[in-house]
Amino acid sequence: SMGWYRQAPGKQRELVAGMSGSGSTNYA
């Protein structure tokens, strides 16, 4: 399974997109 996160200056790291082991996806 996987996810992409991002962190802008002065901000917390946030989840941008994820994919589970079954292939389902979720997005910010």
mmCIF file of all heavy atoms, coordinates in Angstrom:
data_MODEL
# 
_entry.id   MODEL 
# 
loop_
_atom_site.group_PDB 
_atom_site.id 
_atom_site.type_symbol 
_atom_site.label_atom_id 
_atom_site.label_alt_id 
_atom_site.label_comp_id 
_atom_site.label_asym_id 
_atom_site.label_entity_id 
_atom_site.label_seq_id 
_atom_site.pdbx_PDB_ins_code 
_atom_site.Cartn_x 
_atom_site.Cartn_y 
_atom_site.Cartn_z 
_atom_site.occupancy 
_atom_site.B_iso_or_equiv 
_atom_site.pdbx_formal_charge 
_atom_site.auth_seq_id 
_atom_site.auth_comp_id 
_atom_site.auth_asym_id 
_atom_site.auth_atom_id 
_atom_site.pdbx_PDB_model_num 
ATOM 1   N N   . SER A 1 1  ? 0.856  -1.189 0.000  1.00 0.00 ? 1  SER A N   1 
ATOM 2   C CA  . SER A 1 1  ? 0.000  0.000  0.000  1.00 0.00 ? 1  SER A CA  1 
ATOM 3   C C   . SER A 1 1  ? 0.888  1.234  0.000  1.00 0.00 ? 1  SER A C   1 
ATOM 4   O O   . SER A 1 1  ? 2.073  1.156  0.324  1.00 0.00 ? 1  SER A O   1 
ATOM 5   C CB  . SER A 1 1  ? -0.940 0.008  1.196  1.00 0.00 ? 1  SER A CB  1 
ATOM 6   O OG  . SER A 1 1  ? -0.212 0.056  2.403  1.00 0.00 ? 1  SER A OG  1 
ATOM 7   N N   . MET A 1 2  ? 0.288  2.368  -0.380 1.00 0.00 ? 2  MET A N   1 
ATOM 8   C CA  . MET A 1 2  ? 1.145  3.533  -0.583 1.00 0.00 ? 2  MET A CA  1 
ATOM 9   C C   . MET A 1 2  ? 0.396  4.824  -0.322 1.00 0.00 ? 2  MET A C   1 
ATOM 10  O O   . MET A 1 2  ? -0.847 4.848  -0.339 1.00 0.00 ? 2  MET A O   1 
ATOM 11  C CB  . MET A 1 2  ? 1.645  3.533  -2.019 1.00 0.00 ? 2  MET A CB  1 
ATOM 12  C CG  . MET A 1 2  ? 0.519  3.783  -3.029 1.00 0.00 ? 2  MET A CG  1 
ATOM 13  S SD  . MET A 1 2  ? 0.860  3.170  -4.663 1.00 0.00 ? 2  MET A SD  1 
ATOM 14  C CE  . MET A 1 2  ? 0.445  1.458  -4.436 1.00 0.00 ? 2  MET A CE  1 
ATOM 15  N N   . GLY A 1 3  ? 1.146  5.869  -0.112 1.00 0.00 ? 3  GLY A N   1 
ATOM 16  C CA  . GLY A 1 3  ? 0.555  7.189  0.020  1.00 0.00 ? 3  GLY A CA  1 
ATOM 17  C C   . GLY A 1 3  ? 1.560  8.240  -0.389 1.00 0.00 ? 3  GLY A C   1 
ATOM 18  O O   . GLY A 1 3  ? 2.765  8.027  -0.326 1.00 0.00 ? 3  GLY A O   1 
ATOM 19  N N   . TRP A 1 4  ? 1.022  9.339  -0.857 1.00 0.00 ? 4  TRP A N   1 
ATOM 20  C CA  . TRP A 1 4  ? 1.842  10.522 -1.127 1.00 0.00 ? 4  TRP A CA  1 
ATOM 21  C C   . TRP A 1 4  ? 1.418  11.620 -0.153 1.00 0.00 ? 4  TRP A C   1 
ATOM 22  O O   . TRP A 1 4  ? 0.212  11.882 -0.005 1.00 0.00 ? 4  TRP A O   1 
ATOM 23  C CB  . TRP A 1 4  ? 1.648  11.005 -2.573 1.00 0.00 ? 4  TRP A CB  1 
ATOM 24  C CG  . TRP A 1 4  ? 2.351  10.181 -3.592 1.00 0.00 ? 4  TRP A CG  1 
ATOM 25  C CD1 . TRP A 1 4  ? 1.830  9.164  -4.337 1.00 0.00 ? 4  TRP A CD1 1 
ATOM 26  C CD2 . TRP A 1 4  ? 3.720  10.304 -3.980 1.00 0.00 ? 4  TRP A CD2 1 
ATOM 27  N NE1 . TRP A 1 4  ? 2.788  8.649  -5.165 1.00 0.00 ? 4  TRP A NE1 1 
ATOM 28  C CE2 . TRP A 1 4  ? 3.958  9.319  -4.967 1.00 0.00 ? 4  TRP A CE2 1 
ATOM 29  C CE3 . TRP A 1 4  ? 4.772  11.133 -3.602 1.00 0.00 ? 4  TRP A CE3 1 
ATOM 30  C CZ2 . TRP A 1 4  ? 5.213  9.162  -5.578 1.00 0.00 ? 4  TRP A CZ2 1 
ATOM 31  C CZ3 . TRP A 1 4  ? 6.008  10.968 -4.202 1.00 0.00 ? 4  TRP A CZ3 1 
ATOM 32  C CH2 . TRP A 1 4  ? 6.210  10.004 -5.181 1.00 0.00 ? 4  TRP A CH2 1 
ATOM 33  N N   . TYR A 1 5  ? 2.390  12.221 0.478  1.00 0.00 ? 5  TYR A N   1 
ATOM 34  C CA  . TYR A 1 5  ? 2.178  13.304 1.428  1.00 0.00 ? 5  TYR A CA  1 
ATOM 35  C C   . TYR A 1 5  ? 2.921  14.542 0.922  1.00 0.00 ? 5  TYR A C   1 
ATOM 36  O O   . TYR A 1 5  ? 3.830  14.435 0.094  1.00 0.00 ? 5  TYR A O   1 
ATOM 37  C CB  . TYR A 1 5  ? 2.725  12.926 2.810  1.00 0.00 ? 5  TYR A CB  1 
ATOM 38  C CG  . TYR A 1 5  ? 1.969  11.828 3.495  1.00 0.00 ? 5  TYR A CG  1 
ATOM 39  C CD1 . TYR A 1 5  ? 2.085  10.506 3.083  1.00 0.00 ? 5  TYR A CD1 1 
ATOM 40  C CD2 . TYR A 1 5  ? 1.142  12.106 4.584  1.00 0.00 ? 5  TYR A CD2 1 
ATOM 41  C CE1 . TYR A 1 5  ? 1.392  9.489  3.718  1.00 0.00 ? 5  TYR A CE1 1 
ATOM 42  C CE2 . TYR A 1 5  ? 0.454  11.092 5.239  1.00 0.00 ? 5  TYR A CE2 1 
ATOM 43  C CZ  . TYR A 1 5  ? 0.597  9.787  4.800  1.00 0.00 ? 5  TYR A CZ  1 
ATOM 44  O OH  . TYR A 1 5  ? -0.101 8.797  5.434  1.00 0.00 ? 5  TYR A OH  1 
ATOM 45  N N   . ARG A 1 6  ? 2.543  15.679 1.463  1.00 0.00 ? 6  ARG A N   1 
ATOM 46  C CA  . ARG A 1 6  ? 3.291  16.888 1.143  1.00 0.00 ? 6  ARG A CA  1 
ATOM 47  C C   . ARG A 1 6  ? 3.376  17.781 2.377  1.00 0.00 ? 6  ARG A C   1 
ATOM 48  O O   . ARG A 1 6  ? 2.528  17.726 3.261  1.00 0.00 ? 6  ARG A O   1 
ATOM 49  C CB  . ARG A 1 6  ? 2.656  17.653 -0.017 1.00 0.00 ? 6  ARG A CB  1 
ATOM 50  C CG  . ARG A 1 6  ? 1.298  18.265 0.283  1.00 0.00 ? 6  ARG A CG  1 
ATOM 51  C CD  . ARG A 1 6  ? 0.711  18.870 -0.996 1.00 0.00 ? 6  ARG A CD  1 
ATOM 52  N NE  . ARG A 1 6  ? -0.600 19.471 -0.764 1.00 0.00 ? 6  ARG A NE  1 
ATOM 53  C CZ  . ARG A 1 6  ? -1.385 19.910 -1.738 1.00 0.00 ? 6  ARG A CZ  1 
ATOM 54  N NH1 . ARG A 1 6  ? -0.991 19.830 -3.020 1.00 0.00 ? 6  ARG A NH1 1 
ATOM 55  N NH2 . ARG A 1 6  ? -2.558 20.455 -1.463 1.00 0.00 ? 6  ARG A NH2 1 
ATOM 56  N N   . GLN A 1 7  ? 4.419  18.587 2.386  1.00 0.00 ? 7  GLN A N   1 
ATOM 57  C CA  . GLN A 1 7  ? 4.619  19.513 3.480  1.00 0.00 ? 7  GLN A CA  1 
ATOM 58  C C   . GLN A 1 7  ? 5.119  20.842 2.924  1.00 0.00 ? 7  GLN A C   1 
ATOM 59  O O   . GLN A 1 7  ? 6.194  20.902 2.324  1.00 0.00 ? 7  GLN A O   1 
ATOM 60  C CB  . GLN A 1 7  ? 5.610  18.958 4.507  1.00 0.00 ? 7  GLN A CB  1 
ATOM 61  C CG  . GLN A 1 7  ? 5.706  19.807 5.756  1.00 0.00 ? 7  GLN A CG  1 
ATOM 62  C CD  . GLN A 1 7  ? 6.409  19.090 6.888  1.00 0.00 ? 7  GLN A CD  1 
ATOM 63  O OE1 . GLN A 1 7  ? 7.132  18.117 6.674  1.00 0.00 ? 7  GLN A OE1 1 
ATOM 64  N NE2 . GLN A 1 7  ? 6.196  19.549 8.112  1.00 0.00 ? 7  GLN A NE2 1 
ATOM 65  N N   . ALA A 1 8  ? 4.301  21.864 3.117  1.00 0.00 ? 8  ALA A N   1 
ATOM 66  C CA  . ALA A 1 8  ? 4.672  23.211 2.706  1.00 0.00 ? 8  ALA A CA  1 
ATOM 67  C C   . ALA A 1 8  ? 5.343  23.916 3.881  1.00 0.00 ? 8  ALA A C   1 
ATOM 68  O O   . ALA A 1 8  ? 5.132  23.540 5.040  1.00 0.00 ? 8  ALA A O   1 
ATOM 69  C CB  . ALA A 1 8  ? 3.434  23.980 2.258  1.00 0.00 ? 8  ALA A CB  1 
ATOM 70  N N   . PRO A 1 9  ? 6.139  24.938 3.612  1.00 0.00 ? 9  PRO A N   1 
ATOM 71  C CA  . PRO A 1 9  ? 6.814  25.658 4.706  1.00 0.00 ? 9  PRO A CA  1 
ATOM 72  C C   . PRO A 1 9  ? 5.827  26.178 5.741  1.00 0.00 ? 9  PRO A C   1 
ATOM 73  O O   . PRO A 1 9  ? 4.814  26.792 5.405  1.00 0.00 ? 9  PRO A O   1 
ATOM 74  C CB  . PRO A 1 9  ? 7.508  26.813 3.977  1.00 0.00 ? 9  PRO A CB  1 
ATOM 75  C CG  . PRO A 1 9  ? 7.713  26.323 2.597  1.00 0.00 ? 9  PRO A CG  1 
ATOM 76  C CD  . PRO A 1 9  ? 6.523  25.457 2.296  1.00 0.00 ? 9  PRO A CD  1 
ATOM 77  N N   . GLY A 1 10 ? 6.119  25.883 7.005  1.00 0.00 ? 10 GLY A N   1 
ATOM 78  C CA  . GLY A 1 10 ? 5.276  26.356 8.080  1.00 0.00 ? 10 GLY A CA  1 
ATOM 79  C C   . GLY A 1 10 ? 3.988  25.593 8.282  1.00 0.00 ? 10 GLY A C   1 
ATOM 80  O O   . GLY A 1 10 ? 3.169  25.967 9.119  1.00 0.00 ? 10 GLY A O   1 
ATOM 81  N N   . LYS A 1 11 ? 3.808  24.513 7.518  1.00 0.00 ? 11 LYS A N   1 
ATOM 82  C CA  . LYS A 1 11 ? 2.577  23.728 7.624  1.00 0.00 ? 11 LYS A CA  1 
ATOM 83  C C   . LYS A 1 11 ? 2.894  22.293 7.996  1.00 0.00 ? 11 LYS A C   1 
ATOM 84  O O   . LYS A 1 11 ? 4.011  21.819 7.833  1.00 0.00 ? 11 LYS A O   1 
ATOM 85  C CB  . LYS A 1 11 ? 1.806  23.775 6.307  1.00 0.00 ? 11 LYS A CB  1 
ATOM 86  C CG  . LYS A 1 11 ? 1.286  25.159 5.947  1.00 0.00 ? 11 LYS A CG  1 
ATOM 87  C CD  . LYS A 1 11 ? 0.360  25.086 4.751  1.00 0.00 ? 11 LYS A CD  1 
ATOM 88  C CE  . LYS A 1 11 ? -0.236 26.451 4.435  1.00 0.00 ? 11 LYS A CE  1 
ATOM 89  N NZ  . LYS A 1 11 ? -1.160 26.399 3.275  1.00 0.00 ? 11 LYS A NZ  1 
ATOM 90  N N   . GLN A 1 12 ? 1.863  21.610 8.473  1.00 0.00 ? 12 GLN A N   1 
ATOM 91  C CA  . GLN A 1 12 ? 2.022  20.205 8.812  1.00 0.00 ? 12 GLN A CA  1 
ATOM 92  C C   . GLN A 1 12 ? 2.008  19.345 7.559  1.00 0.00 ? 12 GLN A C   1 
ATOM 93  O O   . GLN A 1 12 ? 1.426  19.711 6.532  1.00 0.00 ? 12 GLN A O   1 
ATOM 94  C CB  . GLN A 1 12 ? 0.891  19.767 9.753  1.00 0.00 ? 12 GLN A CB  1 
ATOM 95  C CG  . GLN A 1 12 ? 0.994  20.329 11.159 1.00 0.00 ? 12 GLN A CG  1 
ATOM 96  C CD  . GLN A 1 12 ? -0.020 19.702 12.098 1.00 0.00 ? 12 GLN A CD  1 
ATOM 97  O OE1 . GLN A 1 12 ? -1.093 19.278 11.674 1.00 0.00 ? 12 GLN A OE1 1 
ATOM 98  N NE2 . GLN A 1 12 ? 0.322  19.627 13.371 1.00 0.00 ? 12 GLN A NE2 1 
ATOM 99  N N   . ARG A 1 13 ? 2.649  18.198 7.659  1.00 0.00 ? 13 ARG A N   1 
ATOM 100 C CA  . ARG A 1 13 ? 2.603  17.240 6.556  1.00 0.00 ? 13 ARG A CA  1 
ATOM 101 C C   . ARG A 1 13 ? 1.168  16.723 6.420  1.00 0.00 ? 13 ARG A C   1 
ATOM 102 O O   . ARG A 1 13 ? 0.520  16.388 7.414  1.00 0.00 ? 13 ARG A O   1 
ATOM 103 C CB  . ARG A 1 13 ? 3.568  16.083 6.823  1.00 0.00 ? 13 ARG A CB  1 
ATOM 104 C CG  . ARG A 1 13 ? 3.788  15.173 5.634  1.00 0.00 ? 13 ARG A CG  1 
ATOM 105 C CD  . ARG A 1 13 ? 4.901  14.171 5.911  1.00 0.00 ? 13 ARG A CD  1 
ATOM 106 N NE  . ARG A 1 13 ? 6.196  14.830 6.112  1.00 0.00 ? 13 ARG A NE  1 
ATOM 107 C CZ  . ARG A 1 13 ? 7.346  14.168 6.192  1.00 0.00 ? 13 ARG A CZ  1 
ATOM 108 N NH1 . ARG A 1 13 ? 7.372  12.847 6.078  1.00 0.00 ? 13 ARG A NH1 1 
ATOM 109 N NH2 . ARG A 1 13 ? 8.473  14.820 6.387  1.00 0.00 ? 13 ARG A NH2 1 
ATOM 110 N N   . GLU A 1 14 ? 0.706  16.648 5.183  1.00 0.00 ? 14 GLU A N   1 
ATOM 111 C CA  . GLU A 1 14 ? -0.660 16.201 4.950  1.00 0.00 ? 14 GLU A CA  1 
ATOM 112 C C   . GLU A 1 14 ? -0.692 15.106 3.888  1.00 0.00 ? 14 GLU A C   1 
ATOM 113 O O   . GLU A 1 14 ? 0.145  15.082 2.975  1.00 0.00 ? 14 GLU A O   1 
ATOM 114 C CB  . GLU A 1 14 ? -1.543 17.372 4.488  1.00 0.00 ? 14 GLU A CB  1 
ATOM 115 C CG  . GLU A 1 14 ? -1.123 18.000 3.175  1.00 0.00 ? 14 GLU A CG  1 
ATOM 116 C CD  . GLU A 1 14 ? -2.108 19.043 2.670  1.00 0.00 ? 14 GLU A CD  1 
ATOM 117 O OE1 . GLU A 1 14 ? -3.210 19.178 3.225  1.00 0.00 ? 14 GLU A OE1 1 
ATOM 118 O OE2 . GLU A 1 14 ? -1.756 19.728 1.688  1.00 0.00 ? 14 GLU A OE2 1 
ATOM 119 N N   . LEU A 1 15 ? -1.691 14.236 4.018  1.00 0.00 ? 15 LEU A N   1 
ATOM 120 C CA  . LEU A 1 15 ? -1.894 13.189 3.023  1.00 0.00 ? 15 LEU A CA  1 
ATOM 121 C C   . LEU A 1 15 ? -2.528 13.800 1.783  1.00 0.00 ? 15 LEU A C   1 
ATOM 122 O O   . LEU A 1 15 ? -3.553 14.472 1.861  1.00 0.00 ? 15 LEU A O   1 
ATOM 123 C CB  . LEU A 1 15 ? -2.794 12.091 3.588  1.00 0.00 ? 15 LEU A CB  1 
ATOM 124 C CG  . LEU A 1 15 ? -3.159 10.972 2.619  1.00 0.00 ? 15 LEU A CG  1 
ATOM 125 C CD1 . LEU A 1 15 ? -1.928 10.156 2.219  1.00 0.00 ? 15 LEU A CD1 1 
ATOM 126 C CD2 . LEU A 1 15 ? -4.219 10.065 3.239  1.00 0.00 ? 15 LEU A CD2 1 
ATOM 127 N N   . VAL A 1 16 ? -1.932 13.520 0.645  1.00 0.00 ? 16 VAL A N   1 
ATOM 128 C CA  . VAL A 1 16 ? -2.451 14.000 -0.631 1.00 0.00 ? 16 VAL A CA  1 
ATOM 129 C C   . VAL A 1 16 ? -3.262 12.909 -1.325 1.00 0.00 ? 16 VAL A C   1 
ATOM 130 O O   . VAL A 1 16 ? -4.362 13.158 -1.809 1.00 0.00 ? 16 VAL A O   1 
ATOM 131 C CB  . VAL A 1 16 ? -1.288 14.455 -1.542 1.00 0.00 ? 16 VAL A CB  1 
ATOM 132 C CG1 . VAL A 1 16 ? -1.797 14.823 -2.933 1.00 0.00 ? 16 VAL A CG1 1 
ATOM 133 C CG2 . VAL A 1 16 ? -0.534 15.613 -0.918 1.00 0.00 ? 16 VAL A CG2 1 
ATOM 134 N N   . ALA A 1 17 ? -2.710 11.703 -1.362 1.00 0.00 ? 17 ALA A N   1 
ATOM 135 C CA  . ALA A 1 17 ? -3.380 10.597 -2.046 1.00 0.00 ? 17 ALA A CA  1 
ATOM 136 C C   . ALA A 1 17 ? -2.888 9.288  -1.456 1.00 0.00 ? 17 ALA A C   1 
ATOM 137 O O   . ALA A 1 17 ? -1.730 9.183  -1.052 1.00 0.00 ? 17 ALA A O   1 
ATOM 138 C CB  . ALA A 1 17 ? -3.094 10.633 -3.549 1.00 0.00 ? 17 ALA A CB  1 
ATOM 139 N N   . GLY A 1 18 ? -3.764 8.291  -1.438 1.00 0.00 ? 18 GLY A N   1 
ATOM 140 C CA  . GLY A 1 18 ? -3.389 6.996  -0.907 1.00 0.00 ? 18 GLY A CA  1 
ATOM 141 C C   . GLY A 1 18 ? -4.003 5.883  -1.717 1.00 0.00 ? 18 GLY A C   1 
ATOM 142 O O   . GLY A 1 18 ? -5.034 6.060  -2.380 1.00 0.00 ? 18 GLY A O   1 
ATOM 143 N N   . MET A 1 19 ? -3.356 4.732  -1.701 1.00 0.00 ? 19 MET A N   1 
ATOM 144 C CA  . MET A 1 19 ? -3.900 3.549  -2.355 1.00 0.00 ? 19 MET A CA  1 
ATOM 145 C C   . MET A 1 19 ? -3.696 2.365  -1.425 1.00 0.00 ? 19 MET A C   1 
ATOM 146 O O   . MET A 1 19 ? -2.576 2.113  -0.970 1.00 0.00 ? 19 MET A O   1 
ATOM 147 C CB  . MET A 1 19 ? -3.216 3.277  -3.696 1.00 0.00 ? 19 MET A CB  1 
ATOM 148 C CG  . MET A 1 19 ? -3.723 2.012  -4.389 1.00 0.00 ? 19 MET A CG  1 
ATOM 149 S SD  . MET A 1 19 ? -2.935 1.683  -5.987 1.00 0.00 ? 19 MET A SD  1 
ATOM 150 C CE  . MET A 1 19 ? -3.799 2.861  -7.019 1.00 0.00 ? 19 MET A CE  1 
ATOM 151 N N   . SER A 1 20 ? -4.773 1.636  -1.153 1.00 0.00 ? 20 SER A N   1 
ATOM 152 C CA  . SER A 1 20 ? -4.700 0.489  -0.262 1.00 0.00 ? 20 SER A CA  1 
ATOM 153 C C   . SER A 1 20 ? -4.178 -0.729 -1.004 1.00 0.00 ? 20 SER A C   1 
ATOM 154 O O   . SER A 1 20 ? -4.015 -0.730 -2.223 1.00 0.00 ? 20 SER A O   1 
ATOM 155 C CB  . SER A 1 20 ? -6.084 0.192  0.309  1.00 0.00 ? 20 SER A CB  1 
ATOM 156 O OG  . SER A 1 20 ? -6.911 -0.340 -0.711 1.00 0.00 ? 20 SER A OG  1 
ATOM 157 N N   . GLY A 1 21 ? -3.970 -1.819 -0.252 1.00 0.00 ? 21 GLY A N   1 
ATOM 158 C CA  . GLY A 1 21 ? -3.521 -3.043 -0.878 1.00 0.00 ? 21 GLY A CA  1 
ATOM 159 C C   . GLY A 1 21 ? -4.517 -3.626 -1.866 1.00 0.00 ? 21 GLY A C   1 
ATOM 160 O O   . GLY A 1 21 ? -4.137 -4.334 -2.795 1.00 0.00 ? 21 GLY A O   1 
ATOM 161 N N   . SER A 1 22 ? -5.793 -3.300 -1.701 1.00 0.00 ? 22 SER A N   1 
ATOM 162 C CA  . SER A 1 22 ? -6.829 -3.788 -2.615 1.00 0.00 ? 22 SER A CA  1 
ATOM 163 C C   . SER A 1 22 ? -6.998 -2.896 -3.828 1.00 0.00 ? 22 SER A C   1 
ATOM 164 O O   . SER A 1 22 ? -7.770 -3.219 -4.730 1.00 0.00 ? 22 SER A O   1 
ATOM 165 C CB  . SER A 1 22 ? -8.167 -3.887 -1.883 1.00 0.00 ? 22 SER A CB  1 
ATOM 166 O OG  . SER A 1 22 ? -8.601 -2.605 -1.477 1.00 0.00 ? 22 SER A OG  1 
ATOM 167 N N   . GLY A 1 23 ? -6.302 -1.766 -3.817 1.00 0.00 ? 23 GLY A N   1 
ATOM 168 C CA  . GLY A 1 23 ? -6.366 -0.867 -4.964 1.00 0.00 ? 23 GLY A CA  1 
ATOM 169 C C   . GLY A 1 23 ? -7.309 0.313  -4.812 1.00 0.00 ? 23 GLY A C   1 
ATOM 170 O O   . GLY A 1 23 ? -7.390 1.145  -5.711 1.00 0.00 ? 23 GLY A O   1 
ATOM 171 N N   . SER A 1 24 ? -8.005 0.387  -3.695 1.00 0.00 ? 24 SER A N   1 
ATOM 172 C CA  . SER A 1 24 ? -8.891 1.530  -3.509 1.00 0.00 ? 24 SER A CA  1 
ATOM 173 C C   . SER A 1 24 ? -8.056 2.775  -3.239 1.00 0.00 ? 24 SER A C   1 
ATOM 174 O O   . SER A 1 24 ? -6.991 2.703  -2.632 1.00 0.00 ? 24 SER A O   1 
ATOM 175 C CB  . SER A 1 24 ? -9.870 1.286  -2.376 1.00 0.00 ? 24 SER A CB  1 
ATOM 176 O OG  . SER A 1 24 ? -9.183 1.090  -1.161 1.00 0.00 ? 24 SER A OG  1 
ATOM 177 N N   . THR A 1 25 ? -8.544 3.900  -3.714 1.00 0.00 ? 25 THR A N   1 
ATOM 178 C CA  . THR A 1 25 ? -7.797 5.151  -3.603 1.00 0.00 ? 25 THR A CA  1 
ATOM 179 C C   . THR A 1 25 ? -8.583 6.197  -2.812 1.00 0.00 ? 25 THR A C   1 
ATOM 180 O O   . THR A 1 25 ? -9.816 6.140  -2.731 1.00 0.00 ? 25 THR A O   1 
ATOM 181 C CB  . THR A 1 25 ? -7.463 5.720  -4.984 1.00 0.00 ? 25 THR A CB  1 
ATOM 182 O OG1 . THR A 1 25 ? -8.679 5.934  -5.708 1.00 0.00 ? 25 THR A OG1 1 
ATOM 183 C CG2 . THR A 1 25 ? -6.572 4.775  -5.763 1.00 0.00 ? 25 THR A CG2 1 
ATOM 184 N N   . ASN A 1 26 ? -7.859 7.133  -2.262 1.00 0.00 ? 26 ASN A N   1 
ATOM 185 C CA  . ASN A 1 26 ? -8.476 8.276  -1.605 1.00 0.00 ? 26 ASN A CA  1 
ATOM 186 C C   . ASN A 1 26 ? -7.601 9.493  -1.836 1.00 0.00 ? 26 ASN A C   1 
ATOM 187 O O   . ASN A 1 26 ? -6.377 9.362  -2.004 1.00 0.00 ? 26 ASN A O   1 
ATOM 188 C CB  . ASN A 1 26 ? -8.670 8.024  -0.109 1.00 0.00 ? 26 ASN A CB  1 
ATOM 189 C CG  . ASN A 1 26 ? -7.382 7.786  0.638  1.00 0.00 ? 26 ASN A CG  1 
ATOM 190 O OD1 . ASN A 1 26 ? -6.773 6.729  0.508  1.00 0.00 ? 26 ASN A OD1 1 
ATOM 191 N ND2 . ASN A 1 26 ? -6.942 8.773  1.403  1.00 0.00 ? 26 ASN A ND2 1 
ATOM 192 N N   . TYR A 1 27 ? -8.238 10.649 -1.892 1.00 0.00 ? 27 TYR A N   1 
ATOM 193 C CA  . TYR A 1 27 ? -7.548 11.886 -2.200 1.00 0.00 ? 27 TYR A CA  1 
ATOM 194 C C   . TYR A 1 27 ? -7.986 13.007 -1.261 1.00 0.00 ? 27 TYR A C   1 
ATOM 195 O O   . TYR A 1 27 ? -9.137 13.037 -0.808 1.00 0.00 ? 27 TYR A O   1 
ATOM 196 C CB  . TYR A 1 27 ? -7.858 12.323 -3.646 1.00 0.00 ? 27 TYR A CB  1 
ATOM 197 C CG  . TYR A 1 27 ? -7.357 11.373 -4.692 1.00 0.00 ? 27 TYR A CG  1 
ATOM 198 C CD1 . TYR A 1 27 ? -8.169 10.333 -5.162 1.00 0.00 ? 27 TYR A CD1 1 
ATOM 199 C CD2 . TYR A 1 27 ? -6.078 11.490 -5.210 1.00 0.00 ? 27 TYR A CD2 1 
ATOM 200 C CE1 . TYR A 1 27 ? -7.707 9.450  -6.121 1.00 0.00 ? 27 TYR A CE1 1 
ATOM 201 C CE2 . TYR A 1 27 ? -5.612 10.610 -6.173 1.00 0.00 ? 27 TYR A CE2 1 
ATOM 202 C CZ  . TYR A 1 27 ? -6.436 9.593  -6.614 1.00 0.00 ? 27 TYR A CZ  1 
ATOM 203 O OH  . TYR A 1 27 ? -5.969 8.711  -7.567 1.00 0.00 ? 27 TYR A OH  1 
ATOM 204 N N   . ALA A 1 28 ? -7.066 13.911 -1.013 1.00 0.00 ? 28 ALA A N   1 
ATOM 205 C CA  . ALA A 1 28 ? -7.430 15.140 -0.307 1.00 0.00 ? 28 ALA A CA  1 
ATOM 206 C C   . ALA A 1 28 ? -8.396 15.921 -1.198 1.00 0.00 ? 28 ALA A C   1 
ATOM 207 O O   . ALA A 1 28 ? -8.274 15.905 -2.427 1.00 0.00 ? 28 ALA A O   1 
ATOM 208 C CB  . ALA A 1 28 ? -6.189 15.964 -0.006 1.00 0.00 ? 28 ALA A CB  1 
# 
